[in-house]
C-alpha cells in the first residue's frame, strides 16, 4: 500500500489526482488487477467524474452547497456537519480496474479528491490488488 499526501488550500475544493494514482500504479508495478482507493477522513471524499471541463466541478460544488448549505439546523458541535454530510454523499473509496499497467477510465473521466473542511493535510491510501 502507498499513501498520497495532499495539502488542501480552500474550505471546499476538488483536486484532480488521476496522475498521482497512475504514478502509484507504476511504482507498485501493477500490470493487471484492481486499484483500491480509500480516503481515511470523515470530511473528505474521492470520486470519478469529467476532467475535461472545469465547469463540471463548479456545478457539482455549487449543487452540493445548495443541497447541504453551510448554515443549517445541525446538531454536531464542531460546526462541520455539512462537510460530514457531503463526504457521505460522495463516498470514501473507489475500486478501479487496471489493465496492462494503466487505469481503465472513460474518455472524459478523472479521479478527484474532495475537500469539505479545509484547508488541511490529507491522504489517499492506494492498494494494488493483482488478479
C-alpha atoms as a PDB file:
ATOM      1  CA  UNK A   1       0.000   0.000   0.000  1.00  0.00           C
ATOM      2  CA  UNK A   2       1.097   3.546  -0.671  1.00  0.00           C
ATOM      3  CA  UNK A   3      -0.194   6.876   0.615  1.00  0.00           C
ATOM      4  CA  UNK A   4      -0.614  10.032  -1.424  1.00  0.00           C
ATOM      5  CA  UNK A   5      -0.195  13.132   0.724  1.00  0.00           C
ATOM      6  CA  UNK A   6      -2.237  16.216  -0.138  1.00  0.00           C
ATOM      7  CA  UNK A   7      -2.430  19.721   1.219  1.00  0.00           C
ATOM      8  CA  UNK A   8      -5.690  21.499   0.513  1.00  0.00           C
ATOM      9  CA  UNK A   9      -5.841  25.287   0.476  1.00  0.00           C
ATOM     10  CA  UNK A  10      -9.576  26.038   0.498  1.00  0.00           C
ATOM     11  CA  UNK A  11     -12.549  25.118   2.664  1.00  0.00           C
ATOM     12  CA  UNK A  12     -14.160  23.276  -0.246  1.00  0.00           C
ATOM     13  CA  UNK A  13     -12.102  22.194  -3.218  1.00  0.00           C
ATOM     14  CA  UNK A  14     -11.755  19.360  -5.691  1.00  0.00           C
ATOM     15  CA  UNK A  15      -8.241  18.231  -6.573  1.00  0.00           C
ATOM     16  CA  UNK A  16      -7.749  16.135  -9.678  1.00  0.00           C
ATOM     17  CA  UNK A  17      -5.454  13.269  -8.601  1.00  0.00           C
ATOM     18  CA  UNK A  18      -5.549  10.928 -11.613  1.00  0.00           C
ATOM     19  CA  UNK A  19      -1.855  11.350 -12.449  1.00  0.00           C
ATOM     20  CA  UNK A  20      -0.847  10.761  -8.818  1.00  0.00           C
ATOM     21  CA  UNK A  21      -2.829   7.487  -8.785  1.00  0.00           C
ATOM     22  CA  UNK A  22      -1.283   6.458 -12.105  1.00  0.00           C
ATOM     23  CA  UNK A  23       2.159   7.140 -10.614  1.00  0.00           C
ATOM     24  CA  UNK A  24       1.442   4.823  -7.695  1.00  0.00           C
ATOM     25  CA  UNK A  25       0.283   2.052 -10.047  1.00  0.00           C
ATOM     26  CA  UNK A  26       3.532   2.428 -11.965  1.00  0.00           C
ATOM     27  CA  UNK A  27       5.675   2.375  -8.796  1.00  0.00           C
ATOM     28  CA  UNK A  28       3.814  -0.672  -7.455  1.00  0.00           C
ATOM     29  CA  UNK A  29       4.283  -2.362 -10.862  1.00  0.00           C
ATOM     30  CA  UNK A  30       0.645  -3.412 -11.096  1.00  0.00           C
ATOM     31  CA  UNK A  31       0.089  -4.864 -14.566  1.00  0.00           C
ATOM     32  CA  UNK A  32      -3.414  -6.301 -14.294  1.00  0.00           C
ATOM     33  CA  UNK A  33      -5.672  -6.017 -11.305  1.00  0.00           C
ATOM     34  CA  UNK A  34      -7.632  -3.598  -9.201  1.00  0.00           C
ATOM     35  CA  UNK A  35      -6.598  -0.318  -7.698  1.00  0.00           C
ATOM     36  CA  UNK A  36      -8.364   0.347  -4.390  1.00  0.00           C
ATOM     37  CA  UNK A  37      -8.500   3.986  -3.245  1.00  0.00           C
ATOM     38  CA  UNK A  38      -9.520   4.985   0.262  1.00  0.00           C
ATOM     39  CA  UNK A  39      -9.792   8.386   1.956  1.00  0.00           C
ATOM     40  CA  UNK A  40      -9.417   7.986   5.759  1.00  0.00           C
ATOM     41  CA  UNK A  41     -11.151  11.261   6.608  1.00  0.00           C
ATOM     42  CA  UNK A  42     -14.769  11.889   7.597  1.00  0.00           C
ATOM     43  CA  UNK A  43     -14.963  15.306   5.932  1.00  0.00           C
ATOM     44  CA  UNK A  44     -13.353  14.440   2.587  1.00  0.00           C
ATOM     45  CA  UNK A  45     -14.194  12.142  -0.322  1.00  0.00           C
ATOM     46  CA  UNK A  46     -12.969  10.612  -3.544  1.00  0.00           C
ATOM     47  CA  UNK A  47     -14.989  10.388  -6.749  1.00  0.00           C
ATOM     48  CA  UNK A  48     -14.813   9.977 -10.524  1.00  0.00           C
ATOM     49  CA  UNK A  49     -16.253  12.495 -12.944  1.00  0.00           C
ATOM     50  CA  UNK A  50     -15.453  14.540 -16.030  1.00  0.00           C
ATOM     51  CA  UNK A  51     -11.987  16.071 -16.017  1.00  0.00           C
ATOM     52  CA  UNK A  52     -12.084  17.881 -19.374  1.00  0.00           C
ATOM     53  CA  UNK A  53     -14.360  20.794 -18.474  1.00  0.00           C
ATOM     54  CA  UNK A  54     -13.709  22.508 -15.100  1.00  0.00           C
ATOM     55  CA  UNK A  55     -17.264  23.876 -15.079  1.00  0.00           C
ATOM     56  CA  UNK A  56     -18.492  20.370 -14.185  1.00  0.00           C
ATOM     57  CA  UNK A  57     -16.569  20.590 -10.887  1.00  0.00           C
ATOM     58  CA  UNK A  58     -18.043  24.046 -10.246  1.00  0.00           C
ATOM     59  CA  UNK A  59     -21.550  22.708 -10.908  1.00  0.00           C
ATOM     60  CA  UNK A  60     -21.022  19.782  -8.519  1.00  0.00           C
ATOM     61  CA  UNK A  61     -19.652  22.113  -5.837  1.00  0.00           C
ATOM     62  CA  UNK A  62     -22.499  24.621  -6.260  1.00  0.00           C
ATOM     63  CA  UNK A  63     -25.247  21.996  -6.180  1.00  0.00           C
ATOM     64  CA  UNK A  64     -23.762  20.229  -3.153  1.00  0.00           C
ATOM     65  CA  UNK A  65     -23.767  23.601  -1.400  1.00  0.00           C
ATOM     66  CA  UNK A  66     -27.447  24.119  -2.253  1.00  0.00           C
ATOM     67  CA  UNK A  67     -28.274  20.578  -1.152  1.00  0.00           C
ATOM     68  CA  UNK A  68     -26.246  20.830   2.076  1.00  0.00           C
ATOM     69  CA  UNK A  69     -25.771  24.527   2.970  1.00  0.00           C
ATOM     70  CA  UNK A  70     -23.052  25.625   5.398  1.00  0.00           C
ATOM     71  CA  UNK A  71     -25.624  27.198   7.666  1.00  0.00           C
ATOM     72  CA  UNK A  72     -28.430  24.969   8.845  1.00  0.00           C
ATOM     73  CA  UNK A  73     -30.017  23.318  11.827  1.00  0.00           C
ATOM     74  CA  UNK A  74     -27.125  20.938  12.550  1.00  0.00           C
ATOM     75  CA  UNK A  75     -26.529  19.205  15.886  1.00  0.00           C
ATOM     76  CA  UNK A  76     -22.806  18.384  15.589  1.00  0.00           C
ATOM     77  CA  UNK A  77     -20.943  20.707  17.965  1.00  0.00           C
ATOM     78  CA  UNK A  78     -17.763  21.065  15.879  1.00  0.00           C
ATOM     79  CA  UNK A  79     -19.650  23.066  13.260  1.00  0.00           C
ATOM     80  CA  UNK A  80     -18.632  20.917  10.297  1.00  0.00           C
ATOM     81  CA  UNK A  81     -21.768  18.824   9.833  1.00  0.00           C
ATOM     82  CA  UNK A  82     -22.143  19.938   6.197  1.00  0.00           C
ATOM     83  CA  UNK A  83     -18.675  18.525   5.471  1.00  0.00           C
ATOM     84  CA  UNK A  84     -19.621  15.177   7.027  1.00  0.00           C
ATOM     85  CA  UNK A  85     -22.855  15.012   5.023  1.00  0.00           C
ATOM     86  CA  UNK A  86     -21.194  15.940   1.701  1.00  0.00           C
ATOM     87  CA  UNK A  87     -18.436  13.372   2.186  1.00  0.00           C
ATOM     88  CA  UNK A  88     -21.067  10.732   2.935  1.00  0.00           C
ATOM     89  CA  UNK A  89     -22.897  11.578  -0.288  1.00  0.00           C
ATOM     90  CA  UNK A  90     -19.777  11.231  -2.457  1.00  0.00           C
ATOM     91  CA  UNK A  91     -18.124   8.338  -0.615  1.00  0.00           C
ATOM     92  CA  UNK A  92     -14.713   7.470   0.761  1.00  0.00           C
ATOM     93  CA  UNK A  93     -13.482   4.708  -1.565  1.00  0.00           C
ATOM     94  CA  UNK A  94     -13.215   3.550  -5.165  1.00  0.00           C
ATOM     95  CA  UNK A  95     -12.239   0.374  -6.982  1.00  0.00           C
ATOM     96  CA  UNK A  96     -10.710   0.849 -10.425  1.00  0.00           C
ATOM     97  CA  UNK A  97      -9.634  -1.761 -12.973  1.00  0.00           C
ATOM     98  CA  UNK A  98      -6.036  -1.775 -14.174  1.00  0.00           C
ATOM     99  CA  UNK A  99      -5.030  -3.440 -17.448  1.00  0.00           C
ATOM    100  CA  UNK A 100      -1.537  -3.522 -18.939  1.00  0.00           C
ATOM    101  CA  UNK A 101      -0.353  -1.129 -16.226  1.00  0.00           C
ATOM    102  CA  UNK A 102      -2.995   1.535 -16.919  1.00  0.00           C
ATOM    103  CA  UNK A 103      -6.125   2.674 -15.123  1.00  0.00           C
ATOM    104  CA  UNK A 104      -9.265   1.922 -17.057  1.00  0.00           C
ATOM    105  CA  UNK A 105     -11.262   5.155 -17.112  1.00  0.00           C
ATOM    106  CA  UNK A 106     -13.766   6.571 -19.576  1.00  0.00           C
ATOM    107  CA  UNK A 107     -12.570   9.077 -22.168  1.00  0.00           C
ATOM    108  CA  UNK A 108     -13.515  12.133 -20.123  1.00  0.00           C
ATOM    109  CA  UNK A 109     -13.119  10.689 -16.638  1.00  0.00           C
ATOM    110  CA  UNK A 110     -10.703  11.719 -13.918  1.00  0.00           C
ATOM    111  CA  UNK A 111     -10.284  10.945 -10.224  1.00  0.00           C
ATOM    112  CA  UNK A 112     -10.959  13.745  -7.765  1.00  0.00           C
ATOM    113  CA  UNK A 113     -10.228  14.251  -4.096  1.00  0.00           C
ATOM    114  CA  UNK A 114     -12.966  16.362  -2.479  1.00  0.00           C
ATOM    115  CA  UNK A 115     -12.159  18.569   0.496  1.00  0.00           C
ATOM    116  CA  UNK A 116     -15.118  19.861   2.516  1.00  0.00           C
ATOM    117  CA  UNK A 117     -13.428  21.067   5.732  1.00  0.00           C
ATOM    118  CA  UNK A 118     -10.159  22.646   4.692  1.00  0.00           C
ATOM    119  CA  UNK A 119      -7.573  23.759   4.443  1.00  0.00           C
ATOM    120  CA  UNK A 120      -5.961  20.591   5.804  1.00  0.00           C
ATOM    121  CA  UNK A 121      -3.327  17.946   5.234  1.00  0.00           C
ATOM    122  CA  UNK A 122      -4.969  14.833   3.795  1.00  0.00           C
ATOM    123  CA  UNK A 123      -4.166  11.359   2.500  1.00  0.00           C
ATOM    124  CA  UNK A 124      -5.383   8.943  -0.122  1.00  0.00           C
ATOM    125  CA  UNK A 125      -4.470   5.333   0.551  1.00  0.00           C
ATOM    126  CA  UNK A 126      -3.791   3.250  -2.570  1.00  0.00           C
ATOM    127  CA  UNK A 127      -3.750  -0.549  -2.580  1.00  0.00           C
ATOM    128  CA  UNK A 128      -2.831  -2.574  -5.648  1.00  0.00           C
ATOM    129  CA  UNK A 129      -4.576  -5.924  -5.944  1.00  0.00           C
ATOM    130  CA  UNK A 130      -3.167  -8.308  -8.574  1.00  0.00           C
ATOM    131  CA  UNK A 131      -5.641 -10.517 -10.413  1.00  0.00           C
END
